Amino acid sequence: MSKKLFFPVFLFASMMVSIQAYAGDTTELIDHGTLEIDPTLSLTNIHDGKPGFSSELSLGYGVTDFLTTSIAFTQSSAEALADSDLAVTLGFLSTPLDSDFFDIDVMLDFSLEGLGAGPASYAVTPGLEFNFDLDPNMSSWGLYLRLGLPIHSEHIIDLKSDDESLKTDLDLEFTLGTYLSFGDIHQILIEGGFTAANLAENLGERDVLDPFISLGYNVQILDTFELTSELAFDIPKNDNDDFSATLSIGGIFSIQTQ
């Protein structure tokens, strides 16, 4: 198969597979002409014997030296593998500031959720990530702060009149993380964050959702394959909230297409 045909053919084939990535990491541009294949499997609610399940297949491609695009397909279920759902996300990443020790990444995602169980919901999420790296090649220690502003819309159906309307609200996603690298092979990450939801109060009251802390471990097994893993814990906001933990295992395969 020619290199020009490889990427579109693989992209079409991957759309036939139902396989949100949970493994913690910083955002990085993909080298120009490189395809990254990132499957991730997650078990949620693993503490009480009734786990949920999530699987994602993400494809990223280095369009230019300053632009990366990606598409992700996510299949998820609730507790005890009930209520399966499907989501698709198209993402773009650029780095307007890329210095030896400080970077700024700009992200824009378009998501369509509720394809399996419905009703469908839509989201546009602009985001920023600020990175400080003690070494230019991220070989020792660094900090990162990621901010996202999901603007999401949902179809609301009035059960009395059967009238349907589209309402829009916005959230603020906050993630703070640090990493420690050992050479070019091993990396340990610690992340924490939360979501401030329904800031416009069009789809519900303002609330703080999904506070979490996580521990990740990534290892470069081959030049073209990195193994990723993460154990994340939801932080209960009050005594009525249940404790929850998520275990994720994934990998990043890199293929040079040019």
C-alpha atoms as a PDB file:
ATOM      1  CA  MET A   1       0.000   0.000   0.000  1.00  0.00           C
ATOM      2  CA  SER A   2       1.373   3.450  -0.912  1.00  0.00           C
ATOM      3  CA  LYS A   3       2.172   5.907   1.847  1.00  0.00           C
ATOM      4  CA  LYS A   4      -0.388   8.346   0.455  1.00  0.00           C
ATOM      5  CA  LEU A   5      -3.162   5.769   0.806  1.00  0.00           C
ATOM      6  CA  PHE A   6      -2.095   4.334   4.172  1.00  0.00           C
ATOM      7  CA  PHE A   7      -3.451   7.074   6.460  1.00  0.00           C
ATOM      8  CA  PRO A   8      -6.955   7.491   4.955  1.00  0.00           C
ATOM      9  CA  VAL A   9      -7.436   3.724   4.632  1.00  0.00           C
ATOM     10  CA  PHE A  10      -6.361   3.129   8.239  1.00  0.00           C
ATOM     11  CA  LEU A  11      -8.561   5.968   9.450  1.00  0.00           C
ATOM     12  CA  PHE A  12     -11.604   4.493   7.705  1.00  0.00           C
ATOM     13  CA  ALA A  13     -10.874   1.021   9.116  1.00  0.00           C
ATOM     14  CA  SER A  14     -10.517   2.373  12.639  1.00  0.00           C
ATOM     15  CA  MET A  15     -13.972   3.933  12.431  1.00  0.00           C
ATOM     16  CA  MET A  16     -15.381   0.412  12.371  1.00  0.00           C
ATOM     17  CA  VAL A  17     -13.887  -0.201  15.846  1.00  0.00           C
ATOM     18  CA  SER A  18     -15.324   0.941  19.159  1.00  0.00           C
ATOM     19  CA  ILE A  19     -12.195   0.830  21.076  1.00  0.00           C
ATOM     20  CA  GLN A  20     -12.103   9.378  26.725  1.00  0.00           C
ATOM     21  CA  ALA A  21      -8.350   8.433  27.089  1.00  0.00           C
ATOM     22  CA  TYR A  22      -7.688   8.441  30.807  1.00  0.00           C
ATOM     23  CA  ALA A  23      -3.927   7.942  30.973  1.00  0.00           C
ATOM     24  CA  GLY A  24      -2.343  11.125  32.307  1.00  0.00           C
ATOM     25  CA  ASP A  25       0.242  12.898  30.184  1.00  0.00           C
ATOM     26  CA  THR A  26       1.285  16.258  28.820  1.00  0.00           C
ATOM     27  CA  THR A  27       0.142  17.287  25.348  1.00  0.00           C
ATOM     28  CA  GLU A  28       2.845  17.182  22.694  1.00  0.00           C
ATOM     29  CA  LEU A  29       2.972  17.864  18.978  1.00  0.00           C
ATOM     30  CA  ILE A  30       3.411  14.777  16.798  1.00  0.00           C
ATOM     31  CA  ASP A  31       6.332  14.908  14.369  1.00  0.00           C
ATOM     32  CA  HIS A  32       5.414  15.898  10.838  1.00  0.00           C
ATOM     33  CA  GLY A  33       4.360  12.858   8.820  1.00  0.00           C
ATOM     34  CA  THR A  34       4.026  10.573  11.870  1.00  0.00           C
ATOM     35  CA  LEU A  35       0.867   8.643  12.709  1.00  0.00           C
ATOM     36  CA  GLU A  36       0.264   7.778  16.377  1.00  0.00           C
ATOM     37  CA  ILE A  37      -2.210   5.014  17.269  1.00  0.00           C
ATOM     38  CA  ASP A  38      -3.311   5.172  20.904  1.00  0.00           C
ATOM     39  CA  PRO A  39      -5.666   2.454  22.215  1.00  0.00           C
ATOM     40  CA  THR A  40      -6.707   2.739  25.882  1.00  0.00           C
ATOM     41  CA  LEU A  41      -8.751   0.348  28.015  1.00  0.00           C
ATOM     42  CA  SER A  42     -10.190   1.474  31.363  1.00  0.00           C
ATOM     43  CA  LEU A  43     -12.062  -0.164  34.221  1.00  0.00           C
ATOM     44  CA  THR A  44     -14.076   2.333  36.260  1.00  0.00           C
ATOM     45  CA  ASN A  45     -15.694   1.832  39.654  1.00  0.00           C
ATOM     46  CA  ILE A  46     -13.245  -0.998  40.379  1.00  0.00           C
ATOM     47  CA  HIS A  47     -13.555  -0.784  44.165  1.00  0.00           C
ATOM     48  CA  ASP A  48     -16.925  -2.517  44.676  1.00  0.00           C
ATOM     49  CA  GLY A  49     -16.948  -5.405  42.207  1.00  0.00           C
ATOM     50  CA  LYS A  50     -19.332  -3.745  39.697  1.00  0.00           C
ATOM     51  CA  PRO A  51     -16.922  -2.047  37.310  1.00  0.00           C
ATOM     52  CA  GLY A  52     -17.792   0.048  34.309  1.00  0.00           C
ATOM     53  CA  PHE A  53     -15.785  -0.158  31.118  1.00  0.00           C
ATOM     54  CA  SER A  54     -14.355   2.349  28.676  1.00  0.00           C
ATOM     55  CA  SER A  55     -12.250   1.812  25.578  1.00  0.00           C
ATOM     56  CA  GLU A  56     -10.823   4.386  23.245  1.00  0.00           C
ATOM     57  CA  LEU A  57      -8.971   4.352  19.957  1.00  0.00           C
ATOM     58  CA  SER A  58      -7.275   7.643  19.216  1.00  0.00           C
ATOM     59  CA  LEU A  59      -5.418   8.449  15.999  1.00  0.00           C
ATOM     60  CA  GLY A  60      -3.096  11.444  15.847  1.00  0.00           C
ATOM     61  CA  TYR A  61      -1.199  12.761  12.848  1.00  0.00           C
ATOM     62  CA  GLY A  62       1.522  15.385  12.483  1.00  0.00           C
ATOM     63  CA  VAL A  63       0.098  17.500   9.665  1.00  0.00           C
ATOM     64  CA  THR A  64       2.938  20.031   9.842  1.00  0.00           C
ATOM     65  CA  ASP A  65       5.725  20.898  12.269  1.00  0.00           C
ATOM     66  CA  PHE A  66       3.291  23.181  14.143  1.00  0.00           C
ATOM     67  CA  LEU A  67      -0.070  21.382  13.777  1.00  0.00           C
ATOM     68  CA  THR A  68      -1.315  18.000  15.015  1.00  0.00           C
ATOM     69  CA  THR A  69      -4.799  16.652  14.379  1.00  0.00           C
ATOM     70  CA  SER A  70      -6.499  13.656  15.965  1.00  0.00           C
ATOM     71  CA  ILE A  71      -9.718  11.675  15.995  1.00  0.00           C
ATOM     72  CA  ALA A  72     -10.883   9.484  18.890  1.00  0.00           C
ATOM     73  CA  PHE A  73     -13.660   6.916  19.211  1.00  0.00           C
ATOM     74  CA  THR A  74     -14.793   6.098  22.752  1.00  0.00           C
ATOM     75  CA  GLN A  75     -17.044   3.246  23.862  1.00  0.00           C
ATOM     76  CA  SER A  76     -18.107   3.387  27.519  1.00  0.00           C
ATOM     77  CA  SER A  77     -20.547   1.785  29.934  1.00  0.00           C
ATOM     78  CA  ALA A  78     -21.885   2.570  33.378  1.00  0.00           C
ATOM     79  CA  GLU A  79     -21.657   0.435  36.510  1.00  0.00           C
ATOM     80  CA  ALA A  80     -21.891  -3.331  35.904  1.00  0.00           C
ATOM     81  CA  LEU A  81     -21.336  -2.781  32.140  1.00  0.00           C
ATOM     82  CA  ALA A  82     -24.799  -1.226  31.633  1.00  0.00           C
ATOM     83  CA  ASP A  83     -25.906   1.589  29.294  1.00  0.00           C
ATOM     84  CA  SER A  84     -23.244   1.444  26.616  1.00  0.00           C
ATOM     85  CA  ASP A  85     -22.481   4.729  24.886  1.00  0.00           C
ATOM     86  CA  LEU A  86     -20.315   5.952  21.994  1.00  0.00           C
ATOM     87  CA  ALA A  87     -18.552   9.272  21.452  1.00  0.00           C
ATOM     88  CA  VAL A  88     -16.399  10.747  18.686  1.00  0.00           C
ATOM     89  CA  THR A  89     -13.920  13.607  19.172  1.00  0.00           C
ATOM     90  CA  LEU A  90     -11.980  15.545  16.532  1.00  0.00           C
ATOM     91  CA  GLY A  91      -9.040  17.498  17.924  1.00  0.00           C
ATOM     92  CA  PHE A  92      -6.429  20.030  16.832  1.00  0.00           C
ATOM     93  CA  LEU A  93      -3.231  21.002  18.662  1.00  0.00           C
ATOM     94  CA  SER A  94      -0.679  23.728  17.986  1.00  0.00           C
ATOM     95  CA  THR A  95       2.227  25.187  19.961  1.00  0.00           C
ATOM     96  CA  PRO A  96       2.609  28.940  19.394  1.00  0.00           C
ATOM     97  CA  LEU A  97       5.365  29.160  22.038  1.00  0.00           C
ATOM     98  CA  ASP A  98       7.977  26.394  22.089  1.00  0.00           C
ATOM     99  CA  SER A  99      11.133  27.239  24.037  1.00  0.00           C
ATOM    100  CA  ASP A 100      13.703  25.069  25.800  1.00  0.00           C
ATOM    101  CA  PHE A 101      12.026  25.358  29.196  1.00  0.00           C
ATOM    102  CA  PHE A 102       8.521  26.787  28.695  1.00  0.00           C
ATOM    103  CA  ASP A 103       5.798  25.870  26.191  1.00  0.00           C
ATOM    104  CA  ILE A 104       2.219  26.941  25.537  1.00  0.00           C
ATOM    105  CA  ASP A 105      -0.081  24.518  23.705  1.00  0.00           C
ATOM    106  CA  VAL A 106      -3.390  25.587  22.160  1.00  0.00           C
ATOM    107  CA  MET A 107      -6.093  22.932  21.710  1.00  0.00           C
ATOM    108  CA  LEU A 108      -9.506  22.799  20.075  1.00  0.00           C
ATOM    109  CA  ASP A 109     -11.776  19.723  20.283  1.00  0.00           C
ATOM    110  CA  PHE A 110     -15.143  18.969  18.690  1.00  0.00           C
ATOM    111  CA  SER A 111     -17.112  16.160  20.364  1.00  0.00           C
ATOM    112  CA  LEU A 112     -20.312  14.272  19.648  1.00  0.00           C
ATOM    113  CA  GLU A 113     -21.579  12.089  22.503  1.00  0.00           C
ATOM    114  CA  GLY A 114     -24.612   9.929  23.174  1.00  0.00           C
ATOM    115  CA  LEU A 115     -24.427   8.078  19.860  1.00  0.00           C
ATOM    116  CA  GLY A 116     -25.166   4.742  21.503  1.00  0.00           C
ATOM    117  CA  ALA A 117     -27.878   5.479  24.062  1.00  0.00           C
ATOM    118  CA  GLY A 118     -28.874   9.020  23.085  1.00  0.00           C
ATOM    119  CA  PRO A 119     -29.962  11.739  23.163  1.00  0.00           C
ATOM    120  CA  ALA A 120     -26.902  13.147  21.439  1.00  0.00           C
ATOM    121  CA  SER A 121     -24.956  16.044  22.930  1.00  0.00           C
ATOM    122  CA  TYR A 122     -22.347  18.276  21.365  1.00  0.00           C
ATOM    123  CA  ALA A 123     -19.311  20.109  22.696  1.00  0.00           C
ATOM    124  CA  VAL A 124     -16.667  22.510  21.439  1.00  0.00           C
ATOM    125  CA  THR A 125     -13.702  22.726  23.811  1.00  0.00           C
ATOM    126  CA  PRO A 126     -10.943  25.318  23.416  1.00  0.00           C
ATOM    127  CA  GLY A 127      -8.048  24.749  25.774  1.00  0.00           C
ATOM    128  CA  LEU A 128      -4.562  25.810  26.824  1.00  0.00           C
ATOM    129  CA  GLU A 129      -1.696  23.916  28.407  1.00  0.00           C
ATOM    130  CA  PHE A 130       1.304  25.594  30.037  1.00  0.00           C
ATOM    131  CA  ASN A 131       4.439  23.459  30.407  1.00  0.00           C
ATOM    132  CA  PHE A 132       7.614  24.054  32.388  1.00  0.00           C
ATOM    133  CA  ASP A 133      10.386  21.522  31.705  1.00  0.00           C
ATOM    134  CA  LEU A 134      13.640  21.510  33.637  1.00  0.00           C
ATOM    135  CA  ASP A 135      15.332  19.929  30.602  1.00  0.00           C
ATOM    136  CA  PRO A 136      14.445  20.722  26.969  1.00  0.00           C
ATOM    137  CA  ASN A 137      13.878  17.039  26.114  1.00  0.00           C
ATOM    138  CA  MET A 138      11.685  16.350  29.203  1.00  0.00           C
ATOM    139  CA  SER A 139      14.279  13.921  30.559  1.00  0.00           C
ATOM    140  CA  SER A 140      14.103  14.943  34.240  1.00  0.00           C
ATOM    141  CA  TRP A 141      11.231  16.934  35.794  1.00  0.00           C
ATOM    142  CA  GLY A 142       8.438  19.269  34.783  1.00  0.00           C
ATOM    143  CA  LEU A 143       5.085  20.854  35.630  1.00  0.00           C
ATOM    144  CA  TYR A 144       2.009  21.397  33.483  1.00  0.00           C
ATOM    145  CA  LEU A 145      -1.288  23.243  33.870  1.00  0.00           C
ATOM    146  CA  ARG A 146      -4.155  22.450  31.502  1.00  0.00           C
ATOM    147  CA  LEU A 147      -7.343  24.513  31.173  1.00  0.00           C
ATOM    148  CA  GLY A 148     -10.357  23.593  29.057  1.00  0.00           C
ATOM    149  CA  LEU A 149     -13.614  25.455  28.444  1.00  0.00           C
ATOM    150  CA  PRO A 150     -16.196  22.961  27.103  1.00  0.00           C
ATOM    151  CA  ILE A 151     -19.140  24.708  25.464  1.00  0.00           C
ATOM    152  CA  HIS A 152     -21.733  21.931  25.339  1.00  0.00           C
ATOM    153  CA  SER A 153     -25.260  21.674  24.000  1.00  0.00           C
ATOM    154  CA  GLU A 154     -27.960  19.113  24.731  1.00  0.00           C
ATOM    155  CA  HIS A 155     -31.410  18.387  23.306  1.00  0.00           C
ATOM    156  CA  ILE A 156     -34.015  18.968  26.035  1.00  0.00           C
ATOM    157  CA  ILE A 157     -37.441  17.354  25.601  1.00  0.00           C
ATOM    158  CA  ASP A 158     -40.476  18.618  27.517  1.00  0.00           C
ATOM    159  CA  LEU A 159     -42.350  15.447  28.500  1.00  0.00           C
ATOM    160  CA  LYS A 160     -45.640  17.295  28.841  1.00  0.00           C
ATOM    161  CA  SER A 161     -45.675  19.036  25.467  1.00  0.00           C
ATOM    162  CA  ASP A 162     -43.127  16.946  23.546  1.00  0.00           C
ATOM    163  CA  ASP A 163     -41.408  20.197  22.559  1.00  0.00           C
ATOM    164  CA  GLU A 164     -37.682  19.878  21.930  1.00  0.00           C
ATOM    165  CA  SER A 165     -35.101  22.607  22.465  1.00  0.00           C
ATOM    166  CA  LEU A 166     -31.337  22.879  22.285  1.00  0.00           C
ATOM    167  CA  LYS A 167     -29.725  24.396  25.385  1.00  0.00           C
ATOM    168  CA  THR A 168     -26.081  25.372  25.766  1.00  0.00           C
ATOM    169  CA  ASP A 169     -23.887  25.727  28.841  1.00  0.00           C
ATOM    170  CA  LEU A 170     -20.181  25.872  29.591  1.00  0.00           C
ATOM    171  CA  ASP A 171     -17.770  24.273  32.044  1.00  0.00           C
ATOM    172  CA  LEU A 172     -14.220  24.955  33.176  1.00  0.00           C
ATOM    173  CA  GLU A 173     -11.814  21.997  33.329  1.00  0.00           C
ATOM    174  CA  PHE A 174      -8.698  22.400  35.480  1.00  0.00           C
ATOM    175  CA  THR A 175      -5.779  19.942  35.595  1.00  0.00           C
ATOM    176  CA  LEU A 176      -2.449  20.396  37.366  1.00  0.00           C
ATOM    177  CA  GLY A 177       0.255  17.783  36.930  1.00  0.00           C
ATOM    178  CA  THR A 178       3.916  17.008  37.383  1.00  0.00           C
ATOM    179  CA  TYR A 179       6.196  14.364  35.902  1.00  0.00           C
ATOM    180  CA  LEU A 180       9.504  12.772  36.782  1.00  0.00           C
ATOM    181  CA  SER A 181      11.490  11.092  34.002  1.00  0.00           C
ATOM    182  CA  PHE A 182      14.264   8.561  34.408  1.00  0.00           C
ATOM    183  CA  GLY A 183      16.400   8.746  31.291  1.00  0.00           C
ATOM    184  CA  ASP A 184      14.526   8.330  28.024  1.00  0.00           C
ATOM    185  CA  ILE A 185      12.533   5.246  29.111  1.00  0.00           C
ATOM    186  CA  HIS A 186      10.582   5.660  32.370  1.00  0.00           C
ATOM    187  CA  GLN A 187       8.212   8.443  33.414  1.00  0.00           C
ATOM    188  CA  ILE A 188       6.028   8.861  36.518  1.00  0.00           C
ATOM    189  CA  LEU A 189       3.161  11.377  36.492  1.00  0.00           C
ATOM    190  CA  ILE A 190       0.931  12.789  39.228  1.00  0.00           C
ATOM    191  CA  GLU A 191      -2.204  14.723  38.250  1.00  0.00           C
ATOM    192  CA  GLY A 192      -5.105  16.351  40.018  1.00  0.00           C
ATOM    193  CA  GLY A 193      -8.043  18.400  38.888  1.00  0.00           C
ATOM    194  CA  PHE A 194     -11.764  19.112  38.759  1.00  0.00           C
ATOM    195  CA  THR A 195     -14.536  20.493  36.536  1.00  0.00           C
ATOM    196  CA  ALA A 196     -16.573  23.600  37.406  1.00  0.00           C
ATOM    197  CA  ALA A 197     -19.843  22.713  35.643  1.00  0.00           C
ATOM    198  CA  ASN A 198     -22.832  24.670  34.327  1.00  0.00           C
ATOM    199  CA  LEU A 199     -21.326  28.111  34.756  1.00  0.00           C
ATOM    200  CA  ALA A 200     -24.204  29.677  32.784  1.00  0.00           C
ATOM    201  CA  GLU A 201     -26.792  27.582  34.680  1.00  0.00           C
ATOM    202  CA  ASN A 202     -28.690  26.687  31.490  1.00  0.00           C
ATOM    203  CA  LEU A 203     -28.392  22.910  31.988  1.00  0.00           C
ATOM    204  CA  GLY A 204     -28.385  22.760  35.773  1.00  0.00           C
ATOM    205  CA  GLU A 205     -27.010  24.438  38.857  1.00  0.00           C
ATOM    206  CA  ARG A 206     -23.372  25.362  39.147  1.00  0.00           C
ATOM    207  CA  ASP A 207     -21.382  22.557  40.674  1.00  0.00           C
ATOM    208  CA  VAL A 208     -17.872  21.157  41.062  1.00  0.00           C
ATOM    209  CA  LEU A 209     -17.665  17.769  39.358  1.00  0.00           C
ATOM    210  CA  ASP A 210     -15.129  14.984  39.050  1.00  0.00           C
ATOM    211  CA  PRO A 211     -12.399  16.082  41.481  1.00  0.00           C
ATOM    212  CA  PHE A 212      -9.628  13.514  41.121  1.00  0.00           C
ATOM    213  CA  ILE A 213      -6.015  12.636  41.761  1.00  0.00           C
ATOM    214  CA  SER A 214      -4.086  10.108  39.702  1.00  0.00           C
ATOM    215  CA  LEU A 215      -0.753   8.328  39.465  1.00  0.00           C
ATOM    216  CA  GLY A 216       0.579   7.341  36.057  1.00  0.00           C
ATOM    217  CA  TYR A 217       3.527   5.333  34.792  1.00  0.00           C
ATOM    218  CA  ASN A 218       4.707   5.371  31.177  1.00  0.00           C
ATOM    219  CA  VAL A 219       7.575   3.307  29.768  1.00  0.00           C
ATOM    220  CA  GLN A 220       9.153   3.410  26.312  1.00  0.00           C
ATOM    221  CA  ILE A 221       9.435  -0.273  25.393  1.00  0.00           C
ATOM    222  CA  LEU A 222      10.471   0.189  21.744  1.00  0.00           C
ATOM    223  CA  ASP A 223      11.403   3.198  19.640  1.00  0.00           C
ATOM    224  CA  THR A 224       7.923   2.955  18.110  1.00  0.00           C
ATOM    225  CA  PHE A 225       5.882   1.885  21.174  1.00  0.00           C
ATOM    226  CA  GLU A 226       5.212   3.431  24.597  1.00  0.00           C
ATOM    227  CA  LEU A 227       3.172   1.647  27.280  1.00  0.00           C
ATOM    228  CA  THR A 228       0.951   3.947  29.389  1.00  0.00           C
ATOM    229  CA  SER A 229      -0.888   3.221  32.643  1.00  0.00           C
ATOM    230  CA  GLU A 230      -2.778   5.173  35.273  1.00  0.00           C
ATOM    231  CA  LEU A 231      -4.632   4.660  38.536  1.00  0.00           C
ATOM    232  CA  ALA A 232      -7.078   7.508  39.220  1.00  0.00           C
ATOM    233  CA  PHE A 233      -9.143   8.173  42.344  1.00  0.00           C
ATOM    234  CA  ASP A 234     -12.284  10.295  42.493  1.00  0.00           C
ATOM    235  CA  ILE A 235     -12.276  12.564  45.538  1.00  0.00           C
ATOM    236  CA  PRO A 236     -15.659  12.559  47.372  1.00  0.00           C
ATOM    237  CA  LYS A 237     -16.945  16.099  47.866  1.00  0.00           C
ATOM    238  CA  ASN A 238     -19.078  15.159  50.885  1.00  0.00           C
ATOM    239  CA  ASP A 239     -20.147  12.172  52.964  1.00  0.00           C
ATOM    240  CA  ASN A 240     -22.889  11.241  50.488  1.00  0.00           C
ATOM    241  CA  ASP A 241     -20.493  10.818  47.562  1.00  0.00           C
ATOM    242  CA  ASP A 242     -19.101   7.360  46.802  1.00  0.00           C
ATOM    243  CA  PHE A 243     -15.417   6.638  46.477  1.00  0.00           C
ATOM    244  CA  SER A 244     -14.418   5.490  43.001  1.00  0.00           C
ATOM    245  CA  ALA A 245     -11.231   4.359  41.280  1.00  0.00           C
ATOM    246  CA  THR A 246     -10.306   3.875  37.612  1.00  0.00           C
ATOM    247  CA  LEU A 247      -7.503   1.732  36.201  1.00  0.00           C
ATOM    248  CA  SER A 248      -6.323   2.463  32.648  1.00  0.00           C
ATOM    249  CA  ILE A 249      -3.854   0.654  30.417  1.00  0.00           C
ATOM    250  CA  GLY A 250      -2.878   1.916  26.981  1.00  0.00           C
ATOM    251  CA  GLY A 251      -0.175   2.265  24.418  1.00  0.00           C
ATOM    252  CA  ILE A 252       1.150   4.668  21.795  1.00  0.00           C
ATOM    253  CA  PHE A 253       2.291   3.185  18.492  1.00  0.00           C
ATOM    254  CA  SER A 254       4.240   5.521  16.190  1.00  0.00           C
ATOM    255  CA  ILE A 255       4.392   4.958  12.426  1.00  0.00           C
ATOM    256  CA  GLN A 256       6.307   7.157   9.984  1.00  0.00           C
ATOM    257  CA  THR A 257       4.100   7.573   6.897  1.00  0.00           C
ATOM    258  CA  GLN A 258       6.388   9.802   4.819  1.00  0.00           C
END
